[in-house]
C-alpha atoms as a PDB file:
ATOM      1  CA  UNK A   1      -5.326  25.248 -11.376  1.00  0.00           C
ATOM      2  CA  UNK A   2      -6.969  22.224  -9.734  1.00  0.00           C
ATOM      3  CA  UNK A   3      -8.504  22.787  -6.318  1.00  0.00           C
ATOM      4  CA  UNK A   4      -8.939  20.196  -3.596  1.00  0.00           C
ATOM      5  CA  UNK A   5     -12.657  19.899  -4.099  1.00  0.00           C
ATOM      6  CA  UNK A   6     -12.078  18.711  -7.680  1.00  0.00           C
ATOM      7  CA  UNK A   7     -10.096  15.661  -6.623  1.00  0.00           C
ATOM      8  CA  UNK A   8     -11.751  12.228  -6.604  1.00  0.00           C
ATOM      9  CA  UNK A   9     -10.811  11.735  -2.971  1.00  0.00           C
ATOM     10  CA  UNK A  10     -10.524  15.322  -1.612  1.00  0.00           C
ATOM     11  CA  UNK A  11      -9.576  14.589   1.996  1.00  0.00           C
ATOM     12  CA  UNK A  12      -6.890  12.136   0.821  1.00  0.00           C
ATOM     13  CA  UNK A  13      -5.571  14.521  -1.759  1.00  0.00           C
ATOM     14  CA  UNK A  14      -5.347  17.336   0.802  1.00  0.00           C
ATOM     15  CA  UNK A  15      -3.547  15.115   3.316  1.00  0.00           C
ATOM     16  CA  UNK A  16      -1.083  13.675   0.679  1.00  0.00           C
ATOM     17  CA  UNK A  17      -0.663  16.581  -1.857  1.00  0.00           C
ATOM     18  CA  UNK A  18       2.778  15.520  -3.107  1.00  0.00           C
ATOM     19  CA  UNK A  19       2.718  12.830  -5.757  1.00  0.00           C
ATOM     20  CA  UNK A  20       5.402  11.159  -7.783  1.00  0.00           C
ATOM     21  CA  UNK A  21       4.070   9.515 -10.853  1.00  0.00           C
ATOM     22  CA  UNK A  22       5.596   6.367 -12.302  1.00  0.00           C
ATOM     23  CA  UNK A  23       3.216   5.623 -15.042  1.00  0.00           C
ATOM     24  CA  UNK A  24      -0.419   4.858 -15.958  1.00  0.00           C
ATOM     25  CA  UNK A  25      -2.487   2.061 -14.554  1.00  0.00           C
ATOM     26  CA  UNK A  26      -2.722  -0.646 -17.180  1.00  0.00           C
ATOM     27  CA  UNK A  27      -5.860  -1.163 -19.309  1.00  0.00           C
ATOM     28  CA  UNK A  28      -5.757  -4.762 -18.145  1.00  0.00           C
ATOM     29  CA  UNK A  29      -6.211  -3.751 -14.456  1.00  0.00           C
ATOM     30  CA  UNK A  30      -8.933  -1.285 -15.369  1.00  0.00           C
ATOM     31  CA  UNK A  31     -10.828  -3.961 -17.251  1.00  0.00           C
ATOM     32  CA  UNK A  32     -10.298  -6.501 -14.529  1.00  0.00           C
ATOM     33  CA  UNK A  33     -11.812  -4.234 -11.883  1.00  0.00           C
ATOM     34  CA  UNK A  34     -14.705  -3.170 -13.999  1.00  0.00           C
ATOM     35  CA  UNK A  35     -15.553  -6.809 -14.590  1.00  0.00           C
ATOM     36  CA  UNK A  36     -15.077  -8.325 -11.102  1.00  0.00           C
ATOM     37  CA  UNK A  37     -15.501  -5.757  -8.377  1.00  0.00           C
ATOM     38  CA  UNK A  38     -18.863  -5.669  -6.562  1.00  0.00           C
ATOM     39  CA  UNK A  39     -20.884  -2.500  -6.774  1.00  0.00           C
ATOM     40  CA  UNK A  40     -20.509  -2.059  -2.988  1.00  0.00           C
ATOM     41  CA  UNK A  41     -16.741  -1.646  -3.377  1.00  0.00           C
ATOM     42  CA  UNK A  42     -17.387   1.699  -5.218  1.00  0.00           C
ATOM     43  CA  UNK A  43     -14.770   0.813  -7.832  1.00  0.00           C
ATOM     44  CA  UNK A  44     -15.833   3.654 -10.144  1.00  0.00           C
ATOM     45  CA  UNK A  45     -14.243   6.066  -7.631  1.00  0.00           C
ATOM     46  CA  UNK A  46     -10.998   4.050  -7.874  1.00  0.00           C
ATOM     47  CA  UNK A  47     -11.089   4.091 -11.686  1.00  0.00           C
ATOM     48  CA  UNK A  48     -11.451   7.866 -11.612  1.00  0.00           C
ATOM     49  CA  UNK A  49      -8.582   8.106  -9.025  1.00  0.00           C
ATOM     50  CA  UNK A  50      -6.389   6.014 -11.308  1.00  0.00           C
ATOM     51  CA  UNK A  51      -7.226   8.190 -14.185  1.00  0.00           C
ATOM     52  CA  UNK A  52      -6.329  11.317 -12.162  1.00  0.00           C
ATOM     53  CA  UNK A  53      -3.036  10.048 -10.730  1.00  0.00           C
ATOM     54  CA  UNK A  54      -1.862   6.754 -12.267  1.00  0.00           C
ATOM     55  CA  UNK A  55       0.731   4.655 -10.584  1.00  0.00           C
ATOM     56  CA  UNK A  56       3.171   6.267  -8.202  1.00  0.00           C
ATOM     57  CA  UNK A  57       3.916   7.415  -4.643  1.00  0.00           C
ATOM     58  CA  UNK A  58       2.345   9.915  -2.201  1.00  0.00           C
ATOM     59  CA  UNK A  59       3.873  11.503   0.834  1.00  0.00           C
ATOM     60  CA  UNK A  60       7.530  10.932   0.011  1.00  0.00           C
ATOM     61  CA  UNK A  61       7.036   7.242  -0.580  1.00  0.00           C
ATOM     62  CA  UNK A  62       4.800   6.493   2.446  1.00  0.00           C
ATOM     63  CA  UNK A  63       2.078   5.207   0.151  1.00  0.00           C
ATOM     64  CA  UNK A  64       2.494   3.612  -3.228  1.00  0.00           C
ATOM     65  CA  UNK A  65      -0.545   3.398  -5.533  1.00  0.00           C
ATOM     66  CA  UNK A  66       0.183   0.241  -7.475  1.00  0.00           C
ATOM     67  CA  UNK A  67      -1.052  -1.372 -10.629  1.00  0.00           C
ATOM     68  CA  UNK A  68      -2.937  -4.384  -9.231  1.00  0.00           C
ATOM     69  CA  UNK A  69      -2.020  -6.789 -12.046  1.00  0.00           C
ATOM     70  CA  UNK A  70       1.735  -5.818 -12.114  1.00  0.00           C
ATOM     71  CA  UNK A  71       2.138  -6.117  -8.353  1.00  0.00           C
ATOM     72  CA  UNK A  72      -0.150  -9.090  -7.758  1.00  0.00           C
ATOM     73  CA  UNK A  73       2.954 -11.377  -7.441  1.00  0.00           C
ATOM     74  CA  UNK A  74       3.885  -9.501  -4.264  1.00  0.00           C
ATOM     75  CA  UNK A  75       0.557 -10.551  -2.764  1.00  0.00           C
ATOM     76  CA  UNK A  76       0.786 -14.051  -4.175  1.00  0.00           C
ATOM     77  CA  UNK A  77       3.745 -14.751  -1.908  1.00  0.00           C
ATOM     78  CA  UNK A  78       1.371 -14.597   1.028  1.00  0.00           C
ATOM     79  CA  UNK A  79      -1.919 -15.731  -0.679  1.00  0.00           C
ATOM     80  CA  UNK A  80      -0.944 -18.220  -3.425  1.00  0.00           C
ATOM     81  CA  UNK A  81      -3.762 -19.175  -5.799  1.00  0.00           C
ATOM     82  CA  UNK A  82      -6.198 -16.686  -4.267  1.00  0.00           C
ATOM     83  CA  UNK A  83      -8.152 -14.041  -6.217  1.00  0.00           C
ATOM     84  CA  UNK A  84      -6.853 -11.001  -4.398  1.00  0.00           C
ATOM     85  CA  UNK A  85      -5.200  -7.890  -5.743  1.00  0.00           C
ATOM     86  CA  UNK A  86      -3.099  -5.165  -4.127  1.00  0.00           C
ATOM     87  CA  UNK A  87      -4.131  -1.529  -4.330  1.00  0.00           C
ATOM     88  CA  UNK A  88      -1.776   0.426  -2.037  1.00  0.00           C
ATOM     89  CA  UNK A  89       1.678  -0.602  -0.584  1.00  0.00           C
ATOM     90  CA  UNK A  90       3.233   1.267   2.295  1.00  0.00           C
ATOM     91  CA  UNK A  91       6.936   2.091   2.509  1.00  0.00           C
ATOM     92  CA  UNK A  92       7.387  -0.854   4.907  1.00  0.00           C
ATOM     93  CA  UNK A  93       5.432  -3.333   2.791  1.00  0.00           C
ATOM     94  CA  UNK A  94       1.957  -3.149   4.301  1.00  0.00           C
ATOM     95  CA  UNK A  95      -0.382  -4.067   1.512  1.00  0.00           C
ATOM     96  CA  UNK A  96      -4.000  -2.866   1.159  1.00  0.00           C
ATOM     97  CA  UNK A  97      -5.772  -5.371  -1.003  1.00  0.00           C
ATOM     98  CA  UNK A  98      -9.159  -6.431  -2.184  1.00  0.00           C
ATOM     99  CA  UNK A  99     -10.994  -9.832  -2.783  1.00  0.00           C
ATOM    100  CA  UNK A 100     -13.588  -7.853  -4.854  1.00  0.00           C
ATOM    101  CA  UNK A 101     -15.928  -7.548  -1.811  1.00  0.00           C
ATOM    102  CA  UNK A 102     -13.902  -5.703   0.873  1.00  0.00           C
ATOM    103  CA  UNK A 103     -10.578  -4.123   1.534  1.00  0.00           C
ATOM    104  CA  UNK A 104      -7.992  -5.754   3.759  1.00  0.00           C
ATOM    105  CA  UNK A 105      -4.483  -4.845   5.056  1.00  0.00           C
ATOM    106  CA  UNK A 106      -1.637  -7.253   5.165  1.00  0.00           C
ATOM    107  CA  UNK A 107       1.117  -6.528   7.635  1.00  0.00           C
ATOM    108  CA  UNK A 108       3.840  -8.425   5.799  1.00  0.00           C
ATOM    109  CA  UNK A 109       6.502  -7.713   8.422  1.00  0.00           C
ATOM    110  CA  UNK A 110       4.393  -9.477  11.087  1.00  0.00           C
ATOM    111  CA  UNK A 111       2.419 -11.938   8.953  1.00  0.00           C
ATOM    112  CA  UNK A 112      -1.072 -10.708   9.946  1.00  0.00           C
ATOM    113  CA  UNK A 113      -3.944  -9.402   7.894  1.00  0.00           C
ATOM    114  CA  UNK A 114      -7.464  -8.193   8.642  1.00  0.00           C
ATOM    115  CA  UNK A 115     -10.488  -6.654   6.906  1.00  0.00           C
ATOM    116  CA  UNK A 116     -10.534  -2.899   7.410  1.00  0.00           C
ATOM    117  CA  UNK A 117     -13.227  -1.509   5.113  1.00  0.00           C
ATOM    118  CA  UNK A 118     -16.240  -2.393   3.026  1.00  0.00           C
ATOM    119  CA  UNK A 119     -15.397   0.032   0.287  1.00  0.00           C
ATOM    120  CA  UNK A 120     -12.688   2.190  -1.306  1.00  0.00           C
ATOM    121  CA  UNK A 121     -14.135   5.598  -0.329  1.00  0.00           C
ATOM    122  CA  UNK A 122     -13.619   4.803   3.371  1.00  0.00           C
ATOM    123  CA  UNK A 123     -10.088   3.732   2.763  1.00  0.00           C
ATOM    124  CA  UNK A 124      -9.048   6.907   1.021  1.00  0.00           C
ATOM    125  CA  UNK A 125     -11.341   9.447   2.626  1.00  0.00           C
ATOM    126  CA  UNK A 126     -11.080   8.052   6.217  1.00  0.00           C
ATOM    127  CA  UNK A 127      -8.369   5.527   6.910  1.00  0.00           C
ATOM    128  CA  UNK A 128      -5.506   6.884   4.756  1.00  0.00           C
ATOM    129  CA  UNK A 129      -6.022  10.531   5.817  1.00  0.00           C
ATOM    130  CA  UNK A 130      -6.537   9.780   9.526  1.00  0.00           C
ATOM    131  CA  UNK A 131      -3.747  11.034  11.768  1.00  0.00           C
ATOM    132  CA  UNK A 132      -4.311   8.151  14.089  1.00  0.00           C
ATOM    133  CA  UNK A 133      -3.862   5.569  11.408  1.00  0.00           C
ATOM    134  CA  UNK A 134      -0.958   7.408   9.704  1.00  0.00           C
ATOM    135  CA  UNK A 135       0.870   7.789  13.027  1.00  0.00           C
ATOM    136  CA  UNK A 136       0.054   4.527  14.766  1.00  0.00           C
ATOM    137  CA  UNK A 137      -0.798   2.242  11.860  1.00  0.00           C
ATOM    138  CA  UNK A 138       1.914   3.292   9.372  1.00  0.00           C
ATOM    139  CA  UNK A 139       4.246   5.146  11.774  1.00  0.00           C
ATOM    140  CA  UNK A 140       4.864   8.054   9.435  1.00  0.00           C
ATOM    141  CA  UNK A 141       7.318   9.688  11.882  1.00  0.00           C
ATOM    142  CA  UNK A 142       9.521   6.589  11.657  1.00  0.00           C
ATOM    143  CA  UNK A 143       9.135   6.643   7.875  1.00  0.00           C
ATOM    144  CA  UNK A 144      10.452  10.328   7.792  1.00  0.00           C
ATOM    145  CA  UNK A 145      13.361   9.319   9.933  1.00  0.00           C
ATOM    146  CA  UNK A 146      14.230   6.477   7.525  1.00  0.00           C
ATOM    147  CA  UNK A 147      13.999   8.945   4.620  1.00  0.00           C
ATOM    148  CA  UNK A 148      16.383  11.330   6.437  1.00  0.00           C
ATOM    149  CA  UNK A 149      18.885   8.519   7.139  1.00  0.00           C
ATOM    150  CA  UNK A 150      18.697   6.367   4.031  1.00  0.00           C
ATOM    151  CA  UNK A 151      17.271   8.705   1.378  1.00  0.00           C
ATOM    152  CA  UNK A 152      14.120   8.425  -0.689  1.00  0.00           C
ATOM    153  CA  UNK A 153      13.056   5.030  -1.884  1.00  0.00           C
ATOM    154  CA  UNK A 154      13.614   4.258  -5.593  1.00  0.00           C
ATOM    155  CA  UNK A 155      10.795   2.820  -7.638  1.00  0.00           C
ATOM    156  CA  UNK A 156      10.449  -0.846  -6.652  1.00  0.00           C
ATOM    157  CA  UNK A 157      11.935  -0.416  -3.176  1.00  0.00           C
ATOM    158  CA  UNK A 158      10.641  -0.635   0.318  1.00  0.00           C
ATOM    159  CA  UNK A 159      12.163  -0.322   3.741  1.00  0.00           C
ATOM    160  CA  UNK A 160      12.678  -3.397   5.931  1.00  0.00           C
ATOM    161  CA  UNK A 161      14.524  -4.605   8.895  1.00  0.00           C
ATOM    162  CA  UNK A 162      17.715  -6.565   9.001  1.00  0.00           C
ATOM    163  CA  UNK A 163      17.462  -8.896  10.713  1.00  0.00           C
ATOM    164  CA  UNK A 164      13.782  -9.286  10.005  1.00  0.00           C
ATOM    165  CA  UNK A 165      11.400  -8.899  12.918  1.00  0.00           C
ATOM    166  CA  UNK A 166      10.588 -12.663  12.750  1.00  0.00           C
ATOM    167  CA  UNK A 167      14.342 -13.340  13.171  1.00  0.00           C
ATOM    168  CA  UNK A 168      14.779 -11.060  16.135  1.00  0.00           C
ATOM    169  CA  UNK A 169      14.926  -7.569  14.633  1.00  0.00           C
ATOM    170  CA  UNK A 170      13.701  -4.498  16.447  1.00  0.00           C
ATOM    171  CA  UNK A 171      10.996  -2.431  14.766  1.00  0.00           C
ATOM    172  CA  UNK A 172      11.972   0.559  16.806  1.00  0.00           C
ATOM    173  CA  UNK A 173      15.623   0.542  15.916  1.00  0.00           C
ATOM    174  CA  UNK A 174      16.332   2.703  12.855  1.00  0.00           C
ATOM    175  CA  UNK A 175      19.819   1.230  12.736  1.00  0.00           C
ATOM    176  CA  UNK A 176      18.252  -2.048  11.567  1.00  0.00           C
ATOM    177  CA  UNK A 177      16.352  -0.428   8.652  1.00  0.00           C
ATOM    178  CA  UNK A 178      17.626  -1.043   5.127  1.00  0.00           C
ATOM    179  CA  UNK A 179      16.325  -0.429   1.620  1.00  0.00           C
ATOM    180  CA  UNK A 180      15.227  -3.609  -0.213  1.00  0.00           C
ATOM    181  CA  UNK A 181      13.834  -4.512  -3.565  1.00  0.00           C
ATOM    182  CA  UNK A 182      10.093  -4.807  -2.869  1.00  0.00           C
ATOM    183  CA  UNK A 183       9.307  -8.163  -4.565  1.00  0.00           C
ATOM    184  CA  UNK A 184      12.443  -9.863  -3.207  1.00  0.00           C
ATOM    185  CA  UNK A 185      11.951  -8.727   0.319  1.00  0.00           C
ATOM    186  CA  UNK A 186       8.285  -9.512   0.470  1.00  0.00           C
ATOM    187  CA  UNK A 187       9.008 -13.060  -0.849  1.00  0.00           C
ATOM    188  CA  UNK A 188      11.591 -13.441   1.900  1.00  0.00           C
ATOM    189  CA  UNK A 189       9.164 -12.274   4.581  1.00  0.00           C
ATOM    190  CA  UNK A 190       6.486 -14.607   3.371  1.00  0.00           C
ATOM    191  CA  UNK A 191       8.771 -17.527   4.075  1.00  0.00           C
ATOM    192  CA  UNK A 192       9.401 -16.396   7.655  1.00  0.00           C
ATOM    193  CA  UNK A 193       5.879 -15.865   8.928  1.00  0.00           C
ATOM    194  CA  UNK A 194       2.791 -18.021   9.355  1.00  0.00           C
ATOM    195  CA  UNK A 195       0.034 -15.882   8.015  1.00  0.00           C
ATOM    196  CA  UNK A 196      -2.703 -15.152  10.566  1.00  0.00           C
ATOM    197  CA  UNK A 197      -5.951 -13.223  10.327  1.00  0.00           C
ATOM    198  CA  UNK A 198      -6.467 -10.880  13.248  1.00  0.00           C
END
């Protein structure tokens, strides 16, 4: 039996113990990250994490560990022709991504993004296991309410608002939440917002 201390990111694994695996991270993504990521990003930890878990969802779909190459088109809607790759996607389409030097978060619903960490260890061992971030940043209580009302997300789905926030939707009204195909909905949102760093 594996104990928490044996995990690559023990605090993260303790906070998010339930994992639904979809498949392995592609060899292409592993090679890409070995070749391009700066040492300061601590990509070796990410590679070990991918080897341990693969691609799939933690915490009843709150966090989706994605294959960067397969899911790059979701980020390209917002950052066309830029060398950025997604790592984690939340149930409402927030995307944690890297430019090989740092980690950023894109709030696709609102069209904002910002740098949040210099390396992967801080993302997994601090940000994504922090109660403050999970409650205020990702609103996990609202996520749980959506699961109760709409059921668990299928692979390739995210939650979203109808109408979208940019079109007058209310991000506190669970009655406006629907399940959408991830790529289609993120493409739609990218057309509604003017991307802003803040």
